[in-house]
Amino acid sequence: MTDAAGGPFALSIDPAASAPPYEQLRRQVVEAVTAGSLAPGTRMPTVRALATELDLAVNTVAKAYKSLEADGVIEGRGRAGTFVSATGDPSTQQAQLAAIAYADRVHHLGLDDDAALALVASALRARAAPPVE
C-alpha cells in the first residue's frame, strides 16, 4: 500500500496493546485518512493480503474493514477491490449523515429551512459560548 505521496504506507499491530488488533487496524486507517496519508481513491490491500502481512486472522482484518466501511472511511467496489472513500475524512462523513438525519426530522416536524437553520446556528453558538459561572 502506498501513501498519498506515493511512498510506502505501513500498518502495524502491537500484540501487547490493550486495544484488540481489529481496533488498532481500524484506528490506524482512520488516522491515516484524516491526516491525508491515505488519499481518497487509494486501493486498500485485500483482506487476505493484509491479514498475511500483519500476521492476523482473515476474520480480524475483515472485521476492521467492515467497521471502516460502515463509518464511510472505505468502500468496497466488488471485484475491483476496496478503496479509501471519496469523502475521505470520517468526521465529515459522520457530520453529513447527521445533517441528513436532522433535515429529514425537521421536515417531518413541519419546520421550514430557515427555522431549521436558525436552530442549528443557535445550537452552535451555545456550544461556542463560554460557560456561565
C-alpha atoms as a PDB file:
ATOM      1  CA  MET A   1       0.000   0.000   0.000  1.00  0.00           C
ATOM      2  CA  THR A   2       1.274   3.494  -0.781  1.00  0.00           C
ATOM      3  CA  ASP A   3       0.579   6.802   0.912  1.00  0.00           C
ATOM      4  CA  ALA A   4      -0.730   9.993  -0.709  1.00  0.00           C
ATOM      5  CA  ALA A   5       2.802  10.914  -1.830  1.00  0.00           C
ATOM      6  CA  GLY A   6       3.316   7.530  -3.477  1.00  0.00           C
ATOM      7  CA  GLY A   7       5.636   6.206  -0.773  1.00  0.00           C
ATOM      8  CA  PRO A   8       5.138   3.026   1.197  1.00  0.00           C
ATOM      9  CA  PHE A   9       2.469   3.093   3.880  1.00  0.00           C
ATOM     10  CA  ALA A  10       2.783   0.593   6.694  1.00  0.00           C
ATOM     11  CA  LEU A  11       0.290  -0.585   9.256  1.00  0.00           C
ATOM     12  CA  SER A  12       1.399  -2.375  12.398  1.00  0.00           C
ATOM     13  CA  ILE A  13      -0.235  -4.258  15.231  1.00  0.00           C
ATOM     14  CA  ASP A  14       1.069  -4.200  18.796  1.00  0.00           C
ATOM     15  CA  PRO A  15       0.218  -7.556  20.409  1.00  0.00           C
ATOM     16  CA  ALA A  16       0.864  -6.055  23.866  1.00  0.00           C
ATOM     17  CA  ALA A  17      -1.619  -3.191  23.378  1.00  0.00           C
ATOM     18  CA  SER A  18      -4.869  -3.157  25.332  1.00  0.00           C
ATOM     19  CA  ALA A  19      -6.893  -2.466  22.165  1.00  0.00           C
ATOM     20  CA  PRO A  20      -7.784  -5.546  20.119  1.00  0.00           C
ATOM     21  CA  PRO A  21      -5.967  -5.952  16.772  1.00  0.00           C
ATOM     22  CA  TYR A  22      -9.018  -5.096  14.642  1.00  0.00           C
ATOM     23  CA  GLU A  23      -9.433  -1.813  16.574  1.00  0.00           C
ATOM     24  CA  GLN A  24      -5.736  -0.965  16.214  1.00  0.00           C
ATOM     25  CA  LEU A  25      -6.015  -1.531  12.462  1.00  0.00           C
ATOM     26  CA  ARG A  26      -9.234   0.465  12.191  1.00  0.00           C
ATOM     27  CA  ARG A  27      -7.791   3.361  14.186  1.00  0.00           C
ATOM     28  CA  GLN A  28      -4.588   3.498  12.111  1.00  0.00           C
ATOM     29  CA  VAL A  29      -6.540   3.632   8.850  1.00  0.00           C
ATOM     30  CA  VAL A  30      -8.851   6.377  10.185  1.00  0.00           C
ATOM     31  CA  GLU A  31      -5.857   8.402  11.395  1.00  0.00           C
ATOM     32  CA  ALA A  32      -4.087   7.992   8.039  1.00  0.00           C
ATOM     33  CA  VAL A  33      -7.174   9.097   6.106  1.00  0.00           C
ATOM     34  CA  THR A  34      -7.771  12.058   8.427  1.00  0.00           C
ATOM     35  CA  ALA A  35      -4.112  13.128   8.173  1.00  0.00           C
ATOM     36  CA  GLY A  36      -4.176  12.790   4.396  1.00  0.00           C
ATOM     37  CA  SER A  37      -1.604   9.981   4.330  1.00  0.00           C
ATOM     38  CA  LEU A  38      -4.180   7.765   2.610  1.00  0.00           C
ATOM     39  CA  ALA A  39      -5.811   9.791  -0.133  1.00  0.00           C
ATOM     40  CA  PRO A  40      -9.347   9.220  -1.397  1.00  0.00           C
ATOM     41  CA  GLY A  41      -9.304   6.565  -4.088  1.00  0.00           C
ATOM     42  CA  THR A  42      -6.297   4.723  -2.647  1.00  0.00           C
ATOM     43  CA  ARG A  43      -6.722   0.999  -3.172  1.00  0.00           C
ATOM     44  CA  MET A  44      -6.586  -0.960   0.077  1.00  0.00           C
ATOM     45  CA  PRO A  45      -4.934  -4.387   0.225  1.00  0.00           C
ATOM     46  CA  THR A  46      -7.249  -7.373   0.060  1.00  0.00           C
ATOM     47  CA  VAL A  47      -8.375  -8.744   3.400  1.00  0.00           C
ATOM     48  CA  ARG A  48      -6.311 -11.877   2.863  1.00  0.00           C
ATOM     49  CA  ALA A  49      -3.166  -9.967   1.802  1.00  0.00           C
ATOM     50  CA  LEU A  50      -3.339  -7.597   4.775  1.00  0.00           C
ATOM     51  CA  ALA A  51      -4.005 -10.471   7.179  1.00  0.00           C
ATOM     52  CA  THR A  52      -0.902 -12.236   5.862  1.00  0.00           C
ATOM     53  CA  GLU A  53       1.192  -9.046   6.018  1.00  0.00           C
ATOM     54  CA  LEU A  54       0.175  -8.310   9.622  1.00  0.00           C
ATOM     55  CA  ASP A  55       0.089 -11.956  10.717  1.00  0.00           C
ATOM     56  CA  LEU A  56      -3.578 -11.671  11.682  1.00  0.00           C
ATOM     57  CA  ALA A  57      -6.577 -13.894  11.146  1.00  0.00           C
ATOM     58  CA  VAL A  58      -8.538 -13.081   7.994  1.00  0.00           C
ATOM     59  CA  ASN A  59     -11.661 -12.515  10.122  1.00  0.00           C
ATOM     60  CA  THR A  60      -9.829  -9.883  12.201  1.00  0.00           C
ATOM     61  CA  VAL A  61      -8.997  -7.804   9.127  1.00  0.00           C
ATOM     62  CA  ALA A  62     -12.487  -8.401   7.707  1.00  0.00           C
ATOM     63  CA  LYS A  63     -13.991  -7.068  10.962  1.00  0.00           C
ATOM     64  CA  ALA A  64     -11.850  -3.909  10.739  1.00  0.00           C
ATOM     65  CA  TYR A  65     -12.767  -3.394   7.072  1.00  0.00           C
ATOM     66  CA  LYS A  66     -16.474  -3.887   7.841  1.00  0.00           C
ATOM     67  CA  SER A  67     -16.291  -1.258  10.595  1.00  0.00           C
ATOM     68  CA  LEU A  68     -14.376   1.148   8.331  1.00  0.00           C
ATOM     69  CA  GLU A  69     -16.914   0.655   5.563  1.00  0.00           C
ATOM     70  CA  ALA A  70     -19.831   1.239   7.968  1.00  0.00           C
ATOM     71  CA  ASP A  71     -18.171   4.503   9.035  1.00  0.00           C
ATOM     72  CA  GLY A  72     -17.728   5.576   5.409  1.00  0.00           C
ATOM     73  CA  VAL A  73     -13.929   5.548   5.562  1.00  0.00           C
ATOM     74  CA  ILE A  74     -13.518   2.871   2.891  1.00  0.00           C
ATOM     75  CA  GLU A  75     -15.824   1.452   0.256  1.00  0.00           C
ATOM     76  CA  GLY A  76     -15.959  -1.966  -1.335  1.00  0.00           C
ATOM     77  CA  ARG A  77     -16.334  -1.967  -5.109  1.00  0.00           C
ATOM     78  CA  GLY A  78     -16.975  -5.657  -5.648  1.00  0.00           C
ATOM     79  CA  ARG A  79     -14.279  -7.395  -7.679  1.00  0.00           C
ATOM     80  CA  ALA A  80     -12.482  -4.073  -8.235  1.00  0.00           C
ATOM     81  CA  GLY A  81     -11.388  -4.059  -4.585  1.00  0.00           C
ATOM     82  CA  THR A  82     -11.645  -1.823  -1.555  1.00  0.00           C
ATOM     83  CA  PHE A  83     -10.741   1.861  -1.719  1.00  0.00           C
ATOM     84  CA  VAL A  84     -10.495   4.882   0.574  1.00  0.00           C
ATOM     85  CA  SER A  85     -13.834   6.668   0.180  1.00  0.00           C
ATOM     86  CA  ALA A  86     -14.020   9.821  -1.884  1.00  0.00           C
ATOM     87  CA  THR A  87     -15.370  11.708   1.127  1.00  0.00           C
ATOM     88  CA  GLY A  88     -12.171  10.765   2.921  1.00  0.00           C
ATOM     89  CA  ASP A  89     -12.476  12.314   6.364  1.00  0.00           C
ATOM     90  CA  PRO A  90     -14.678  10.113   8.573  1.00  0.00           C
ATOM     91  CA  SER A  91     -15.644  13.088  10.760  1.00  0.00           C
ATOM     92  CA  THR A  92     -17.032  14.868   7.715  1.00  0.00           C
ATOM     93  CA  GLN A  93     -18.829  11.702   6.645  1.00  0.00           C
ATOM     94  CA  GLN A  94     -20.483  11.343  10.069  1.00  0.00           C
ATOM     95  CA  ALA A  95     -21.416  15.040  10.107  1.00  0.00           C
ATOM     96  CA  GLN A  96     -23.025  14.671   6.670  1.00  0.00           C
ATOM     97  CA  LEU A  97     -25.070  11.714   7.908  1.00  0.00           C
ATOM     98  CA  ALA A  98     -26.155  13.681  10.993  1.00  0.00           C
ATOM     99  CA  ALA A  99     -27.135  16.661   8.817  1.00  0.00           C
ATOM    100  CA  ILE A 100     -29.226  14.446   6.547  1.00  0.00           C
ATOM    101  CA  ALA A 101     -30.968  12.869   9.540  1.00  0.00           C
ATOM    102  CA  TYR A 102     -31.624  16.334  11.019  1.00  0.00           C
ATOM    103  CA  ALA A 103     -33.006  17.656   7.723  1.00  0.00           C
ATOM    104  CA  ASP A 104     -35.321  14.659   7.434  1.00  0.00           C
ATOM    105  CA  ARG A 105     -36.516  15.077  11.020  1.00  0.00           C
ATOM    106  CA  VAL A 106     -37.254  18.826  10.833  1.00  0.00           C
ATOM    107  CA  HIS A 107     -39.052  18.321   7.516  1.00  0.00           C
ATOM    108  CA  HIS A 108     -41.182  15.627   9.178  1.00  0.00           C
ATOM    109  CA  LEU A 109     -41.955  18.076  12.007  1.00  0.00           C
ATOM    110  CA  GLY A 110     -43.093  20.691   9.501  1.00  0.00           C
ATOM    111  CA  LEU A 111     -40.330  23.257  10.043  1.00  0.00           C
ATOM    112  CA  ASP A 112     -39.140  25.288   7.076  1.00  0.00           C
ATOM    113  CA  ASP A 113     -35.475  25.558   6.085  1.00  0.00           C
ATOM    114  CA  ASP A 114     -34.971  28.974   7.693  1.00  0.00           C
ATOM    115  CA  ALA A 115     -36.298  27.772  11.056  1.00  0.00           C
ATOM    116  CA  ALA A 116     -34.178  24.611  10.887  1.00  0.00           C
ATOM    117  CA  LEU A 117     -31.032  26.601  10.059  1.00  0.00           C
ATOM    118  CA  ALA A 118     -31.776  29.069  12.871  1.00  0.00           C
ATOM    119  CA  LEU A 119     -31.976  26.180  15.341  1.00  0.00           C
ATOM    120  CA  VAL A 120     -28.622  24.815  14.169  1.00  0.00           C
ATOM    121  CA  ALA A 121     -26.993  28.258  14.339  1.00  0.00           C
ATOM    122  CA  SER A 122     -28.338  28.748  17.859  1.00  0.00           C
ATOM    123  CA  ALA A 123     -27.049  25.343  18.965  1.00  0.00           C
ATOM    124  CA  LEU A 124     -23.592  26.029  17.511  1.00  0.00           C
ATOM    125  CA  ARG A 125     -23.429  29.447  19.206  1.00  0.00           C
ATOM    126  CA  ALA A 126     -24.434  27.870  22.528  1.00  0.00           C
ATOM    127  CA  ARG A 127     -21.597  25.327  22.249  1.00  0.00           C
ATOM    128  CA  ALA A 128     -19.072  28.056  21.438  1.00  0.00           C
ATOM    129  CA  ALA A 129     -20.144  30.361  24.273  1.00  0.00           C
ATOM    130  CA  PRO A 130     -18.063  30.300  27.459  1.00  0.00           C
ATOM    131  CA  PRO A 131     -19.747  28.563  30.402  1.00  0.00           C
ATOM    132  CA  VAL A 132     -21.751  30.790  32.728  1.00  0.00           C
ATOM    133  CA  GLU A 133     -20.459  30.685  36.292  1.00  0.00           C
END
